[in-house]
């Protein structure tokens, strides 16, 4: 599942995000969603979230648990 729709992402979900510094390389970082930062219902580059470890990035994949 991609991370372009806000309703698909909930706090506590396991996701893979791309950090701002990794946008050119496309390296993904795994973590658990703490906060959803994007207010709109969708975003073409992915919904911006804050992980439990404090990193901020856009969701590229929602991992099934």
C-alpha atoms as a PDB file:
ATOM      1  CA  UNK A   1       0.000   0.000   0.000  1.00  0.00           C
ATOM      2  CA  UNK A   2       1.373   3.421  -0.872  1.00  0.00           C
ATOM      3  CA  UNK A   3       1.356   6.367   1.509  1.00  0.00           C
ATOM      4  CA  UNK A   4      -0.480   8.961  -0.566  1.00  0.00           C
ATOM      5  CA  UNK A   5      -3.821   8.843   1.279  1.00  0.00           C
ATOM      6  CA  UNK A   6      -4.076  10.190   4.823  1.00  0.00           C
ATOM      7  CA  UNK A   7      -6.905   7.876   5.909  1.00  0.00           C
ATOM      8  CA  UNK A   8      -4.700   4.803   5.280  1.00  0.00           C
ATOM      9  CA  UNK A   9      -2.110   5.949   7.860  1.00  0.00           C
ATOM     10  CA  UNK A  10      -2.726   5.764  11.603  1.00  0.00           C
ATOM     11  CA  UNK A  11      -0.442   6.413  14.569  1.00  0.00           C
ATOM     12  CA  UNK A  12       1.242   3.147  15.506  1.00  0.00           C
ATOM     13  CA  UNK A  13       1.387   1.894  11.916  1.00  0.00           C
ATOM     14  CA  UNK A  14       4.635   0.399  10.608  1.00  0.00           C
ATOM     15  CA  UNK A  15       5.772   2.378   7.565  1.00  0.00           C
ATOM     16  CA  UNK A  16       8.736   3.080   5.306  1.00  0.00           C
ATOM     17  CA  UNK A  17       9.496   6.763   4.730  1.00  0.00           C
ATOM     18  CA  UNK A  18      11.939   8.736   2.644  1.00  0.00           C
ATOM     19  CA  UNK A  19      13.750  11.425   4.625  1.00  0.00           C
ATOM     20  CA  UNK A  20      14.366  14.876   3.080  1.00  0.00           C
ATOM     21  CA  UNK A  21      18.111  14.125   2.902  1.00  0.00           C
ATOM     22  CA  UNK A  22      17.405  10.840   1.081  1.00  0.00           C
ATOM     23  CA  UNK A  23      15.002  12.162  -1.556  1.00  0.00           C
ATOM     24  CA  UNK A  24      17.640  12.039  -4.311  1.00  0.00           C
ATOM     25  CA  UNK A  25      18.820   8.527  -3.450  1.00  0.00           C
ATOM     26  CA  UNK A  26      15.411   7.126  -2.529  1.00  0.00           C
ATOM     27  CA  UNK A  27      16.766   5.349   0.579  1.00  0.00           C
ATOM     28  CA  UNK A  28      13.883   4.235   2.798  1.00  0.00           C
ATOM     29  CA  UNK A  29      13.778   4.370   6.583  1.00  0.00           C
ATOM     30  CA  UNK A  30      11.502   2.023   8.535  1.00  0.00           C
ATOM     31  CA  UNK A  31       9.659   3.019  11.683  1.00  0.00           C
ATOM     32  CA  UNK A  32       6.416   3.461  13.578  1.00  0.00           C
ATOM     33  CA  UNK A  33       4.182   6.517  13.002  1.00  0.00           C
ATOM     34  CA  UNK A  34       3.918   8.874  15.975  1.00  0.00           C
ATOM     35  CA  UNK A  35       2.274  11.925  14.343  1.00  0.00           C
ATOM     36  CA  UNK A  36       0.697  12.662  10.963  1.00  0.00           C
ATOM     37  CA  UNK A  37       1.935  16.070   9.806  1.00  0.00           C
ATOM     38  CA  UNK A  38       0.110  16.475   6.466  1.00  0.00           C
ATOM     39  CA  UNK A  39      -3.328  18.042   6.931  1.00  0.00           C
ATOM     40  CA  UNK A  40      -4.727  17.386   3.441  1.00  0.00           C
ATOM     41  CA  UNK A  41      -6.489  14.101   2.625  1.00  0.00           C
ATOM     42  CA  UNK A  42      -3.863  13.108   0.041  1.00  0.00           C
ATOM     43  CA  UNK A  43      -0.462  14.149  -1.293  1.00  0.00           C
ATOM     44  CA  UNK A  44       1.192  12.947  -4.536  1.00  0.00           C
ATOM     45  CA  UNK A  45       4.634  12.519  -2.891  1.00  0.00           C
ATOM     46  CA  UNK A  46       3.324  10.802   0.234  1.00  0.00           C
ATOM     47  CA  UNK A  47       1.853  11.881   3.549  1.00  0.00           C
ATOM     48  CA  UNK A  48       4.420  13.528   5.840  1.00  0.00           C
ATOM     49  CA  UNK A  49       4.767  11.830   9.237  1.00  0.00           C
ATOM     50  CA  UNK A  50       6.958  11.890  12.341  1.00  0.00           C
ATOM     51  CA  UNK A  51       8.239   8.521  13.517  1.00  0.00           C
ATOM     52  CA  UNK A  52       8.532   7.492  17.183  1.00  0.00           C
ATOM     53  CA  UNK A  53      12.297   8.144  16.997  1.00  0.00           C
ATOM     54  CA  UNK A  54      11.691  11.747  15.836  1.00  0.00           C
ATOM     55  CA  UNK A  55      12.591  11.400  12.158  1.00  0.00           C
ATOM     56  CA  UNK A  56      10.303  13.179   9.675  1.00  0.00           C
ATOM     57  CA  UNK A  57       9.622  12.090   6.115  1.00  0.00           C
ATOM     58  CA  UNK A  58       7.043  11.136   3.531  1.00  0.00           C
ATOM     59  CA  UNK A  59       5.419   7.698   3.598  1.00  0.00           C
ATOM     60  CA  UNK A  60       6.322   5.499   0.632  1.00  0.00           C
ATOM     61  CA  UNK A  61       5.029   2.137   1.903  1.00  0.00           C
ATOM     62  CA  UNK A  62       2.714   0.976   4.649  1.00  0.00           C
ATOM     63  CA  UNK A  63       3.953  -2.362   5.946  1.00  0.00           C
ATOM     64  CA  UNK A  64       1.436  -5.011   6.878  1.00  0.00           C
ATOM     65  CA  UNK A  65       1.867  -6.277  10.427  1.00  0.00           C
END
